[in-house]
PDB file of N, CA and C in Angstrom:
ATOM      1  N   MET A   1     -13.581  16.175   7.241  1.00  0.00           N
ATOM      2  CA  MET A   1     -12.268  16.234   7.817  1.00  0.00           C
ATOM      3  C   MET A   1     -11.581  17.528   7.451  1.00  0.00           C
ATOM      4  N   GLY A   2     -11.096  18.198   8.406  1.00  0.00           N
ATOM      5  CA  GLY A   2     -10.427  19.458   8.157  1.00  0.00           C
ATOM      6  C   GLY A   2      -8.940  19.279   7.923  1.00  0.00           C
ATOM      7  N   PRO A   3      -8.248  20.343   7.552  1.00  0.00           N
ATOM      8  CA  PRO A   3      -6.825  20.257   7.254  1.00  0.00           C
ATOM      9  C   PRO A   3      -5.974  19.943   8.472  1.00  0.00           C
ATOM     10  N   ASN A   4      -6.514  20.117   9.682  1.00  0.00           N
ATOM     11  CA  ASN A   4      -5.749  19.853  10.894  1.00  0.00           C
ATOM     12  C   ASN A   4      -6.042  18.488  11.503  1.00  0.00           C
ATOM     13  N   THR A   5      -6.791  17.633  10.795  1.00  0.00           N
ATOM     14  CA  THR A   5      -7.116  16.313  11.297  1.00  0.00           C
ATOM     15  C   THR A   5      -5.861  15.449  11.331  1.00  0.00           C
ATOM     16  N   VAL A   6      -5.661  14.791  12.453  1.00  0.00           N
ATOM     17  CA  VAL A   6      -4.485  13.951  12.642  1.00  0.00           C
ATOM     18  C   VAL A   6      -4.851  12.492  12.389  1.00  0.00           C
ATOM     19  N   LEU A   7      -3.981  11.798  11.703  1.00  0.00           N
ATOM     20  CA  LEU A   7      -4.156  10.369  11.462  1.00  0.00           C
ATOM     21  C   LEU A   7      -3.714   9.626  12.712  1.00  0.00           C
ATOM     22  N   SER A   8      -4.594   8.876  13.316  1.00  0.00           N
ATOM     23  CA  SER A   8      -4.274   8.133  14.530  1.00  0.00           C
ATOM     24  C   SER A   8      -3.632   6.799  14.180  1.00  0.00           C
ATOM     25  N   HIS A   9      -2.457   6.582  14.680  1.00  0.00           N
ATOM     26  CA  HIS A   9      -1.745   5.328  14.411  1.00  0.00           C
ATOM     27  C   HIS A   9      -2.493   4.120  14.974  1.00  0.00           C
ATOM     28  N   SER A  10      -3.289   4.323  15.967  1.00  0.00           N
ATOM     29  CA  SER A  10      -4.014   3.199  16.572  1.00  0.00           C
ATOM     30  C   SER A  10      -5.116   2.660  15.664  1.00  0.00           C
ATOM     31  N   THR A  11      -5.470   3.402  14.613  1.00  0.00           N
ATOM     32  CA  THR A  11      -6.530   2.945  13.706  1.00  0.00           C
ATOM     33  C   THR A  11      -5.988   2.157  12.507  1.00  0.00           C
ATOM     34  N   LEU A  12      -4.674   2.052  12.378  1.00  0.00           N
ATOM     35  CA  LEU A  12      -4.094   1.361  11.225  1.00  0.00           C
ATOM     36  C   LEU A  12      -4.151  -0.152  11.407  1.00  0.00           C
ATOM     37  N   PRO A  13      -4.457  -0.881  10.333  1.00  0.00           N
ATOM     38  CA  PRO A  13      -4.524  -2.346  10.413  1.00  0.00           C
ATOM     39  C   PRO A  13      -3.126  -2.976  10.250  1.00  0.00           C
ATOM     40  N   TYR A  14      -2.263  -2.738  11.246  1.00  0.00           N
ATOM     41  CA  TYR A  14      -0.881  -3.225  11.172  1.00  0.00           C
ATOM     42  C   TYR A  14      -0.791  -4.721  10.898  1.00  0.00           C
ATOM     43  N   ASP A  15      -1.748  -5.485  11.387  1.00  0.00           N
ATOM     44  CA  ASP A  15      -1.711  -6.935  11.174  1.00  0.00           C
ATOM     45  C   ASP A  15      -1.839  -7.313   9.702  1.00  0.00           C
ATOM     46  N   ARG A  16      -2.355  -6.427   8.876  1.00  0.00           N
ATOM     47  CA  ARG A  16      -2.508  -6.699   7.438  1.00  0.00           C
ATOM     48  C   ARG A  16      -1.272  -6.306   6.632  1.00  0.00           C
ATOM     49  N   PHE A  17      -0.360  -5.523   7.186  1.00  0.00           N
ATOM     50  CA  PHE A  17       0.792  -5.034   6.430  1.00  0.00           C
ATOM     51  C   PHE A  17       1.643  -6.158   5.834  1.00  0.00           C
ATOM     52  N   PRO A  18       2.008  -7.203   6.592  1.00  0.00           N
ATOM     53  CA  PRO A  18       2.824  -8.263   5.979  1.00  0.00           C
ATOM     54  C   PRO A  18       2.145  -8.925   4.775  1.00  0.00           C
ATOM     55  N   ALA A  19       0.850  -9.180   4.861  1.00  0.00           N
ATOM     56  CA  ALA A  19       0.137  -9.804   3.745  1.00  0.00           C
ATOM     57  C   ALA A  19       0.062  -8.865   2.543  1.00  0.00           C
ATOM     58  N   LEU A  20      -0.109  -7.574   2.786  1.00  0.00           N
ATOM     59  CA  LEU A  20      -0.149  -6.607   1.679  1.00  0.00           C
ATOM     60  C   LEU A  20       1.207  -6.541   0.979  1.00  0.00           C
ATOM     61  N   VAL A  21       2.292  -6.537   1.748  1.00  0.00           N
ATOM     62  CA  VAL A  21       3.631  -6.529   1.149  1.00  0.00           C
ATOM     63  C   VAL A  21       3.861  -7.825   0.374  1.00  0.00           C
ATOM     64  N   GLU A  22       3.464  -8.946   0.938  1.00  0.00           N
ATOM     65  CA  GLU A  22       3.615 -10.237   0.253  1.00  0.00           C
ATOM     66  C   GLU A  22       2.859 -10.235  -1.074  1.00  0.00           C
ATOM     67  N   GLU A  23       1.630  -9.759  -1.062  1.00  0.00           N
ATOM     68  CA  GLU A  23       0.843  -9.707  -2.296  1.00  0.00           C
ATOM     69  C   GLU A  23       1.497  -8.791  -3.326  1.00  0.00           C
ATOM     70  N   ALA A  24       1.942  -7.628  -2.884  1.00  0.00           N
ATOM     71  CA  ALA A  24       2.555  -6.679  -3.815  1.00  0.00           C
ATOM     72  C   ALA A  24       3.845  -7.225  -4.416  1.00  0.00           C
ATOM     73  N   THR A  25       4.649  -7.924  -3.613  1.00  0.00           N
ATOM     74  CA  THR A  25       5.940  -8.404  -4.109  1.00  0.00           C
ATOM     75  C   THR A  25       5.839  -9.678  -4.930  1.00  0.00           C
ATOM     76  N   THR A  26       4.708 -10.370  -4.864  1.00  0.00           N
ATOM     77  CA  THR A  26       4.600 -11.649  -5.582  1.00  0.00           C
ATOM     78  C   THR A  26       3.572 -11.678  -6.707  1.00  0.00           C
ATOM     79  N   THR A  27       2.665 -10.726  -6.774  1.00  0.00           N
ATOM     80  CA  THR A  27       1.584 -10.845  -7.759  1.00  0.00           C
ATOM     81  C   THR A  27       1.507  -9.722  -8.780  1.00  0.00           C
ATOM     82  N   LEU A  28       2.367  -8.720  -8.676  1.00  0.00           N
ATOM     83  CA  LEU A  28       2.226  -7.550  -9.547  1.00  0.00           C
ATOM     84  C   LEU A  28       3.244  -7.494 -10.683  1.00  0.00           C
ATOM     85  N   GLY A  29       4.038  -8.559 -10.845  1.00  0.00           N
ATOM     86  CA  GLY A  29       4.921  -8.638 -12.003  1.00  0.00           C
ATOM     87  C   GLY A  29       6.281  -7.994 -11.856  1.00  0.00           C
ATOM     88  N   VAL A  30       6.673  -7.637 -10.633  1.00  0.00           N
ATOM     89  CA  VAL A  30       8.020  -7.096 -10.435  1.00  0.00           C
ATOM     90  C   VAL A  30       8.944  -8.282 -10.181  1.00  0.00           C
ATOM     91  N   ARG A  31       9.825  -8.542 -11.132  1.00  0.00           N
ATOM     92  CA  ARG A  31      10.766  -9.651 -10.969  1.00  0.00           C
ATOM     93  C   ARG A  31      11.799  -9.293  -9.898  1.00  0.00           C
ATOM     94  N   SER A  32      12.073 -10.206  -9.017  1.00  0.00           N
ATOM     95  CA  SER A  32      13.086 -10.019  -7.974  1.00  0.00           C
ATOM     96  C   SER A  32      12.985  -8.642  -7.305  1.00  0.00           C
ATOM     97  N   PRO A  33      11.888  -8.382  -6.602  1.00  0.00           N
ATOM     98  CA  PRO A  33      11.719  -7.077  -5.963  1.00  0.00           C
ATOM     99  C   PRO A  33      12.925  -6.722  -5.096  1.00  0.00           C
ATOM    100  N   ARG A  34      13.376  -5.499  -5.230  1.00  0.00           N
ATOM    101  CA  ARG A  34      14.533  -5.046  -4.458  1.00  0.00           C
ATOM    102  C   ARG A  34      14.141  -4.155  -3.297  1.00  0.00           C
ATOM    103  N   SER A  35      13.010  -3.497  -3.415  1.00  0.00           N
ATOM    104  CA  SER A  35      12.565  -2.651  -2.311  1.00  0.00           C
ATOM    105  C   SER A  35      11.047  -2.522  -2.334  1.00  0.00           C
ATOM    106  N   TRP A  36      10.517  -2.194  -1.187  1.00  0.00           N
ATOM    107  CA  TRP A  36       9.097  -1.908  -1.072  1.00  0.00           C
ATOM    108  C   TRP A  36       8.915  -0.806  -0.040  1.00  0.00           C
ATOM    109  N   GLN A  37       7.789  -0.118  -0.151  1.00  0.00           N
ATOM    110  CA  GLN A  37       7.496   0.989   0.753  1.00  0.00           C
ATOM    111  C   GLN A  37       6.008   1.019   1.033  1.00  0.00           C
ATOM    112  N   ILE A  38       5.661   1.250   2.285  1.00  0.00           N
ATOM    113  CA  ILE A  38       4.259   1.424   2.672  1.00  0.00           C
ATOM    114  C   ILE A  38       4.048   2.888   3.024  1.00  0.00           C
ATOM    115  N   THR A  39       3.025   3.485   2.435  1.00  0.00           N
ATOM    116  CA  THR A  39       2.611   4.830   2.827  1.00  0.00           C
ATOM    117  C   THR A  39       1.135   4.791   3.194  1.00  0.00           C
ATOM    118  N   VAL A  40       0.765   5.636   4.105  1.00  0.00           N
ATOM    119  CA  VAL A  40      -0.623   5.720   4.546  1.00  0.00           C
ATOM    120  C   VAL A  40      -1.026   7.187   4.516  1.00  0.00           C
ATOM    121  N   ASP A  41      -2.180   7.440   3.925  1.00  0.00           N
ATOM    122  CA  ASP A  41      -2.670   8.817   3.939  1.00  0.00           C
ATOM    123  C   ASP A  41      -4.181   8.837   4.053  1.00  0.00           C
ATOM    124  N   ARG A  42      -4.659  10.000   4.320  1.00  0.00           N
ATOM    125  CA  ARG A  42      -6.103  10.227   4.436  1.00  0.00           C
ATOM    126  C   ARG A  42      -6.416  11.559   3.760  1.00  0.00           C
ATOM    127  N   LEU A  43      -5.786  11.794   2.618  1.00  0.00           N
ATOM    128  CA  LEU A  43      -5.925  13.080   1.930  1.00  0.00           C
ATOM    129  C   LEU A  43      -7.336  13.337   1.433  1.00  0.00           C
ATOM    130  N   THR A  44      -8.038  12.289   1.024  1.00  0.00           N
ATOM    131  CA  THR A  44      -9.385  12.481   0.474  1.00  0.00           C
ATOM    132  C   THR A  44     -10.472  12.136   1.476  1.00  0.00           C
ATOM    133  N   GLY A  45     -10.092  11.920   2.736  1.00  0.00           N
ATOM    134  CA  GLY A  45     -11.081  11.580   3.757  1.00  0.00           C
ATOM    135  C   GLY A  45     -11.045  10.122   4.148  1.00  0.00           C
ATOM    136  N   SER A  46     -10.838   9.227   3.184  1.00  0.00           N
ATOM    137  CA  SER A  46     -10.769   7.803   3.470  1.00  0.00           C
ATOM    138  C   SER A  46      -9.310   7.384   3.623  1.00  0.00           C
ATOM    139  N   LEU A  47      -9.063   6.478   4.541  1.00  0.00           N
ATOM    140  CA  LEU A  47      -7.716   5.966   4.752  1.00  0.00           C
ATOM    141  C   LEU A  47      -7.287   5.133   3.551  1.00  0.00           C
ATOM    142  N   VAL A  48      -6.087   5.392   3.043  1.00  0.00           N
ATOM    143  CA  VAL A  48      -5.526   4.634   1.921  1.00  0.00           C
ATOM    144  C   VAL A  48      -4.151   4.128   2.338  1.00  0.00           C
ATOM    145  N   ILE A  49      -3.957   2.826   2.197  1.00  0.00           N
ATOM    146  CA  ILE A  49      -2.661   2.197   2.445  1.00  0.00           C
ATOM    147  C   ILE A  49      -2.095   1.841   1.085  1.00  0.00           C
ATOM    148  N   ARG A  50      -0.907   2.328   0.783  1.00  0.00           N
ATOM    149  CA  ARG A  50      -0.302   2.100  -0.528  1.00  0.00           C
ATOM    150  C   ARG A  50       1.018   1.350  -0.341  1.00  0.00           C
ATOM    151  N   VAL A  51       1.178   0.255  -1.094  1.00  0.00           N
ATOM    152  CA  VAL A  51       2.430  -0.500  -1.077  1.00  0.00           C
ATOM    153  C   VAL A  51       3.026  -0.385  -2.473  1.00  0.00           C
ATOM    154  N   VAL A  52       4.238   0.160  -2.554  1.00  0.00           N
ATOM    155  CA  VAL A  52       4.948   0.316  -3.825  1.00  0.00           C
ATOM    156  C   VAL A  52       6.148  -0.622  -3.806  1.00  0.00           C
ATOM    157  N   VAL A  53       6.319  -1.375  -4.894  1.00  0.00           N
ATOM    158  CA  VAL A  53       7.405  -2.347  -5.024  1.00  0.00           C
ATOM    159  C   VAL A  53       8.220  -1.986  -6.255  1.00  0.00           C
ATOM    160  N   THR A  54       9.548  -2.056  -6.134  1.00  0.00           N
ATOM    161  CA  THR A  54      10.414  -1.794  -7.286  1.00  0.00           C
ATOM    162  C   THR A  54      11.427  -2.918  -7.445  1.00  0.00           C
ATOM    163  N   GLY A  55      11.837  -3.122  -8.677  1.00  0.00           N
ATOM    164  CA  GLY A  55      12.829  -4.138  -9.001  1.00  0.00           C
ATOM    165  C   GLY A  55      13.136  -4.083 -10.474  1.00  0.00           C
ATOM    166  N   PRO A  56      13.903  -5.067 -10.977  1.00  0.00           N
ATOM    167  CA  PRO A  56      14.270  -5.080 -12.389  1.00  0.00           C
ATOM    168  C   PRO A  56      13.060  -5.116 -13.330  1.00  0.00           C
ATOM    169  N   GLY A  57      11.937  -5.649 -12.849  1.00  0.00           N
ATOM    170  CA  GLY A  57      10.731  -5.729 -13.662  1.00  0.00           C
ATOM    171  C   GLY A  57       9.911  -4.464 -13.666  1.00  0.00           C
ATOM    172  N   GLY A  58      10.395  -3.409 -13.017  1.00  0.00           N
ATOM    173  CA  GLY A  58       9.681  -2.148 -12.995  1.00  0.00           C
ATOM    174  C   GLY A  58       9.170  -1.795 -11.619  1.00  0.00           C
ATOM    175  N   THR A  59       8.167  -0.948 -11.598  1.00  0.00           N
ATOM    176  CA  THR A  59       7.536  -0.495 -10.360  1.00  0.00           C
ATOM    177  C   THR A  59       6.063  -0.855 -10.413  1.00  0.00           C
ATOM    178  N   ALA A  60       5.542  -1.318  -9.298  1.00  0.00           N
ATOM    179  CA  ALA A  60       4.132  -1.683  -9.211  1.00  0.00           C
ATOM    180  C   ALA A  60       3.613  -1.230  -7.852  1.00  0.00           C
ATOM    181  N   SER A  61       2.292  -1.170  -7.736  1.00  0.00           N
ATOM    182  CA  SER A  61       1.718  -0.764  -6.453  1.00  0.00           C
ATOM    183  C   SER A  61       0.345  -1.371  -6.257  1.00  0.00           C
ATOM    184  N   LEU A  62      -0.060  -1.388  -5.017  1.00  0.00           N
ATOM    185  CA  LEU A  62      -1.439  -1.732  -4.700  1.00  0.00           C
ATOM    186  C   LEU A  62      -1.916  -0.762  -3.639  1.00  0.00           C
ATOM    187  N   GLU A  63      -3.221  -0.596  -3.580  1.00  0.00           N
ATOM    188  CA  GLU A  63      -3.842   0.260  -2.579  1.00  0.00           C
ATOM    189  C   GLU A  63      -4.866  -0.568  -1.825  1.00  0.00           C
ATOM    190  N   ALA A  64      -4.924  -0.326  -0.531  1.00  0.00           N
ATOM    191  CA  ALA A  64      -5.897  -0.999   0.321  1.00  0.00           C
ATOM    192  C   ALA A  64      -6.660   0.053   1.113  1.00  0.00           C
ATOM    193  N   ASN A  65      -7.832  -0.336   1.569  1.00  0.00           N
ATOM    194  CA  ASN A  65      -8.648   0.581   2.367  1.00  0.00           C
ATOM    195  C   ASN A  65      -8.236   0.502   3.839  1.00  0.00           C
ATOM    196  N   GLY A  66      -8.951   1.173   4.697  1.00  0.00           N
ATOM    197  CA  GLY A  66      -8.622   1.232   6.105  1.00  0.00           C
ATOM    198  C   GLY A  66      -8.708  -0.083   6.848  1.00  0.00           C
ATOM    199  N   GLN A  67      -9.360  -1.076   6.245  1.00  0.00           N
ATOM    200  CA  GLN A  67      -9.418  -2.398   6.849  1.00  0.00           C
ATOM    201  C   GLN A  67      -8.320  -3.316   6.291  1.00  0.00           C
ATOM    202  N   GLY A  68      -7.533  -2.797   5.344  1.00  0.00           N
ATOM    203  CA  GLY A  68      -6.461  -3.597   4.758  1.00  0.00           C
ATOM    204  C   GLY A  68      -6.908  -4.435   3.579  1.00  0.00           C
ATOM    205  N   LYS A  69      -8.095  -4.174   3.043  1.00  0.00           N
ATOM    206  CA  LYS A  69      -8.595  -4.907   1.877  1.00  0.00           C
ATOM    207  C   LYS A  69      -8.112  -4.212   0.607  1.00  0.00           C
ATOM    208  N   VAL A  70      -7.491  -4.988  -0.288  1.00  0.00           N
ATOM    209  CA  VAL A  70      -6.969  -4.417  -1.535  1.00  0.00           C
ATOM    210  C   VAL A  70      -8.124  -3.925  -2.402  1.00  0.00           C
ATOM    211  N   VAL A  71      -8.020  -2.674  -2.845  1.00  0.00           N
ATOM    212  CA  VAL A  71      -9.058  -2.084  -3.672  1.00  0.00           C
ATOM    213  C   VAL A  71      -8.552  -1.671  -5.060  1.00  0.00           C
ATOM    214  N   ARG A  72      -7.234  -1.651  -5.246  1.00  0.00           N
ATOM    215  CA  ARG A  72      -6.684  -1.265  -6.554  1.00  0.00           C
ATOM    216  C   ARG A  72      -5.295  -1.863  -6.708  1.00  0.00           C
ATOM    217  N   ARG A  73      -4.999  -2.335  -7.932  1.00  0.00           N
ATOM    218  CA  ARG A  73      -3.676  -2.857  -8.268  1.00  0.00           C
ATOM    219  C   ARG A  73      -3.161  -2.165  -9.507  1.00  0.00           C
ATOM    220  N   ALA A  74      -1.874  -1.854  -9.507  1.00  0.00           N
ATOM    221  CA  ALA A  74      -1.212  -1.285 -10.684  1.00  0.00           C
ATOM    222  C   ALA A  74       0.006  -2.168 -10.958  1.00  0.00           C
ATOM    223  N   PRO A  75      -0.119  -3.131 -11.891  1.00  0.00           N
ATOM    224  CA  PRO A  75       0.984  -4.055 -12.182  1.00  0.00           C
ATOM    225  C   PRO A  75       2.219  -3.326 -12.705  1.00  0.00           C
ATOM    226  N   ALA A  76       3.334  -4.048 -12.694  1.00  0.00           N
ATOM    227  CA  ALA A  76       4.611  -3.486 -13.159  1.00  0.00           C
ATOM    228  C   ALA A  76       4.503  -2.970 -14.574  1.00  0.00           C
ATOM    229  N   ARG A  77       5.199  -1.868 -14.818  1.00  0.00           N
ATOM    230  CA  ARG A  77       5.229  -1.281 -16.159  1.00  0.00           C
ATOM    231  C   ARG A  77       6.662  -1.200 -16.613  1.00  0.00           C
TER     232      ARG A  77
END
């Protein structure tokens, strides 16, 4: 993939986004989540979907692959 490669929105697993947000807001130890954010990038060649959650319990995140399968979790700190 070259530096001019465009990420096609049609390849994103939008149907998995609600479940990823639900998992991030309920299983990573952030008490009473106040906000969440989804980012998608392909900086290293593979599509990465990242959900970051913040609240009084700290900040936590999870990463999923291009099919929406969770591959990494970072619990609240």
